[in-house]
C-alpha atoms as a PDB file:
ATOM      1  CA  MET A   1     -23.464 -41.741 117.997  1.00  0.00           C
ATOM      2  CA  ARG A   2     -21.874 -39.721 120.781  1.00  0.00           C
ATOM      3  CA  ILE A   3     -20.277 -41.422 123.777  1.00  0.00           C
ATOM      4  CA  SER A   4     -23.077 -39.864 125.786  1.00  0.00           C
ATOM      5  CA  GLU A   5     -25.698 -41.382 123.806  1.00  0.00           C
ATOM      6  CA  TRP A   6     -24.144 -44.887 124.055  1.00  0.00           C
ATOM      7  CA  LEU A   7     -23.742 -44.659 127.977  1.00  0.00           C
ATOM      8  CA  ASP A   8     -27.503 -43.531 127.966  1.00  0.00           C
ATOM      9  CA  GLU A   9     -28.300 -46.754 126.218  1.00  0.00           C
ATOM     10  CA  GLN A  10     -26.017 -49.115 128.311  1.00  0.00           C
ATOM     11  CA  GLU A  11     -27.604 -47.539 131.504  1.00  0.00           C
ATOM     12  CA  ALA A  12     -31.063 -48.087 130.129  1.00  0.00           C
ATOM     13  CA  GLU A  13     -30.145 -51.745 129.593  1.00  0.00           C
ATOM     14  CA  GLY A  14     -28.980 -51.990 133.320  1.00  0.00           C
ATOM     15  CA  VAL A  15     -25.222 -52.000 132.688  1.00  0.00           C
ATOM     16  CA  ASP A  16     -23.096 -50.510 135.304  1.00  0.00           C
ATOM     17  CA  VAL A  17     -21.353 -47.993 133.306  1.00  0.00           C
ATOM     18  CA  SER A  18     -18.996 -46.509 135.981  1.00  0.00           C
ATOM     19  CA  GLY A  19     -15.911 -48.591 134.680  1.00  0.00           C
ATOM     20  CA  ILE A  20     -17.195 -49.414 131.076  1.00  0.00           C
ATOM     21  CA  ASP A  21     -14.853 -49.309 128.148  1.00  0.00           C
ATOM     22  CA  PRO A  22     -16.481 -47.256 125.291  1.00  0.00           C
ATOM     23  CA  PRO A  23     -16.073 -48.892 121.669  1.00  0.00           C
ATOM     24  CA  GLU A  24     -12.645 -47.597 120.313  1.00  0.00           C
ATOM     25  CA  ASP A  25     -14.200 -46.029 117.329  1.00  0.00           C
ATOM     26  CA  LEU A  26     -16.486 -43.793 119.729  1.00  0.00           C
ATOM     27  CA  LEU A  27     -13.292 -42.593 121.493  1.00  0.00           C
ATOM     28  CA  PHE A  28     -11.666 -41.406 118.577  1.00  0.00           C
ATOM     29  CA  GLU A  29     -14.809 -39.993 116.761  1.00  0.00           C
ATOM     30  CA  ASP A  30     -16.360 -38.032 119.733  1.00  0.00           C
ATOM     31  CA  TRP A  31     -14.670 -34.998 121.340  1.00  0.00           C
ATOM     32  CA  PRO A  32     -15.547 -34.167 124.850  1.00  0.00           C
ATOM     33  CA  ASP A  33     -17.599 -30.865 125.138  1.00  0.00           C
ATOM     34  CA  GLU A  34     -15.365 -29.595 127.533  1.00  0.00           C
ATOM     35  CA  THR A  35     -12.049 -30.490 129.767  1.00  0.00           C
ATOM     36  CA  ILE A  36     -12.897 -29.445 133.363  1.00  0.00           C
ATOM     37  CA  TYR A  37      -9.707 -30.526 134.928  1.00  0.00           C
ATOM     38  CA  PHE A  38      -6.250 -31.679 133.833  1.00  0.00           C
ATOM     39  CA  GLU A  39      -3.131 -32.142 135.951  1.00  0.00           C
ATOM     40  CA  GLU A  40       0.225 -34.046 134.961  1.00  0.00           C
ATOM     41  CA  ILE A  41       3.338 -34.767 136.908  1.00  0.00           C
ATOM     42  CA  LYS A  42       6.015 -34.289 134.669  1.00  0.00           C
ATOM     43  CA  PRO A  43       9.368 -33.255 136.172  1.00  0.00           C
ATOM     44  CA  CYS A  44      11.600 -34.238 133.647  1.00  0.00           C
ATOM     45  CA  GLY A  45      10.467 -31.559 131.126  1.00  0.00           C
ATOM     46  CA  ILE A  46       8.264 -30.877 128.123  1.00  0.00           C
ATOM     47  CA  LEU A  47      10.180 -32.843 125.710  1.00  0.00           C
ATOM     48  CA  CYS A  48       9.994 -36.162 127.467  1.00  0.00           C
ATOM     49  CA  ARG A  49       7.618 -38.814 125.774  1.00  0.00           C
ATOM     50  CA  GLY A  50       7.382 -41.247 128.514  1.00  0.00           C
ATOM     51  CA  ASN A  51       4.153 -41.901 130.692  1.00  0.00           C
ATOM     52  CA  HIS A  52       3.641 -39.649 133.472  1.00  0.00           C
ATOM     53  CA  PRO A  53       1.083 -39.685 136.287  1.00  0.00           C
ATOM     54  CA  PHE A  54      -1.939 -37.581 135.273  1.00  0.00           C
ATOM     55  CA  SER A  55      -5.599 -36.908 136.227  1.00  0.00           C
ATOM     56  CA  THR A  56      -8.230 -35.378 133.817  1.00  0.00           C
ATOM     57  CA  VAL A  57     -12.027 -35.032 133.891  1.00  0.00           C
ATOM     58  CA  GLU A  58     -13.939 -34.283 130.459  1.00  0.00           C
ATOM     59  CA  ARG A  59     -17.635 -33.938 130.019  1.00  0.00           C
ATOM     60  CA  PHE A  60     -19.566 -35.506 127.190  1.00  0.00           C
ATOM     61  CA  GLY A  61     -23.054 -34.186 127.571  1.00  0.00           C
ATOM     62  CA  ASP A  62     -24.276 -35.107 130.930  1.00  0.00           C
ATOM     63  CA  TRP A  63     -21.626 -37.554 131.478  1.00  0.00           C
ATOM     64  CA  TYR A  64     -18.145 -36.927 133.215  1.00  0.00           C
ATOM     65  CA  TYR A  65     -15.276 -39.013 132.394  1.00  0.00           C
ATOM     66  CA  SER A  66     -12.553 -39.077 135.102  1.00  0.00           C
ATOM     67  CA  ARG A  67      -9.375 -41.016 133.970  1.00  0.00           C
ATOM     68  CA  GLY A  68      -5.688 -41.132 134.628  1.00  0.00           C
ATOM     69  CA  GLN A  69      -2.691 -42.803 136.218  1.00  0.00           C
ATOM     70  CA  ASP A  70      -2.126 -42.880 139.792  1.00  0.00           C
ATOM     71  CA  ARG A  71       0.772 -40.889 141.236  1.00  0.00           C
ATOM     72  CA  GLU A  72       1.955 -44.090 143.022  1.00  0.00           C
ATOM     73  CA  ALA A  73       2.656 -45.632 139.569  1.00  0.00           C
ATOM     74  CA  GLY A  74       5.859 -43.390 139.316  1.00  0.00           C
ATOM     75  CA  LEU A  75       7.362 -41.842 136.395  1.00  0.00           C
ATOM     76  CA  HIS A  76       7.375 -43.640 132.822  1.00  0.00           C
ATOM     77  CA  SER A  77       5.309 -46.439 134.147  1.00  0.00           C
ATOM     78  CA  SER A  78       2.157 -47.747 132.172  1.00  0.00           C
ATOM     79  CA  GLU A  79       0.520 -49.498 135.305  1.00  0.00           C
ATOM     80  CA  MET A  80      -2.270 -48.346 137.747  1.00  0.00           C
ATOM     81  CA  LYS A  81      -4.668 -46.751 135.156  1.00  0.00           C
ATOM     82  CA  TRP A  82      -7.991 -45.927 136.244  1.00  0.00           C
ATOM     83  CA  LYS A  83     -11.225 -44.603 134.769  1.00  0.00           C
ATOM     84  CA  LEU A  84     -14.803 -43.477 135.982  1.00  0.00           C
ATOM     85  CA  PHE A  85     -18.037 -42.515 133.980  1.00  0.00           C
ATOM     86  CA  THR A  86     -20.432 -40.375 136.137  1.00  0.00           C
ATOM     87  CA  ARG A  87     -23.218 -38.066 135.995  1.00  0.00           C
ATOM     88  CA  ASP A  88     -21.822 -36.494 139.315  1.00  0.00           C
ATOM     89  CA  ARG A  89     -19.325 -33.929 138.607  1.00  0.00           C
ATOM     90  CA  SER A  90     -18.225 -33.433 142.099  1.00  0.00           C
ATOM     91  CA  LEU A  91     -17.688 -37.356 142.026  1.00  0.00           C
ATOM     92  CA  ALA A  92     -15.542 -36.981 139.058  1.00  0.00           C
ATOM     93  CA  LEU A  93     -13.427 -34.031 140.233  1.00  0.00           C
ATOM     94  CA  ASN A  94     -12.671 -35.583 143.868  1.00  0.00           C
ATOM     95  CA  THR A  95     -11.870 -39.001 142.198  1.00  0.00           C
ATOM     96  CA  ALA A  96      -9.361 -37.189 139.549  1.00  0.00           C
ATOM     97  CA  LYS A  97      -7.574 -35.263 142.453  1.00  0.00           C
ATOM     98  CA  ALA A  98      -7.379 -37.983 144.798  1.00  0.00           C
ATOM     99  CA  HIS A  99      -5.460 -40.146 142.360  1.00  0.00           C
ATOM    100  CA  ILE A 100      -2.943 -37.540 141.485  1.00  0.00           C
ATOM    101  CA  GLU A 101      -2.156 -36.204 145.215  1.00  0.00           C
END
C-alpha cells in the first residue's frame, strides 16, 4: 500500500489527516514521487552529523507532505519538529518556507 492510498482511506473515514503519523512501515517502504522543495540551515559544514533546521515538501500521489524543524530550534536541536499532509501544493510550500525563514 502507498502512503497516498492510506491517506485516502483515512480521509474517507473522516480522520483529519493534516497532522497524522503514517505507519512506520509505509514511511520506510514508500518513496515520494518527487521532492518539490528542500532547504537546510547547516553552517557547520557538510561533515556535521548533528540535527539542523530544515524544511521539505514531498509529493506522494495527490498528497503533499510538508515537514521539517523550525529555524528557531537552533543548530543540533531535536525540538520544534512539524509536519503537514495536504492536497494543496501552495499550502505545503508556503508552510515549509515559513518554518525555515
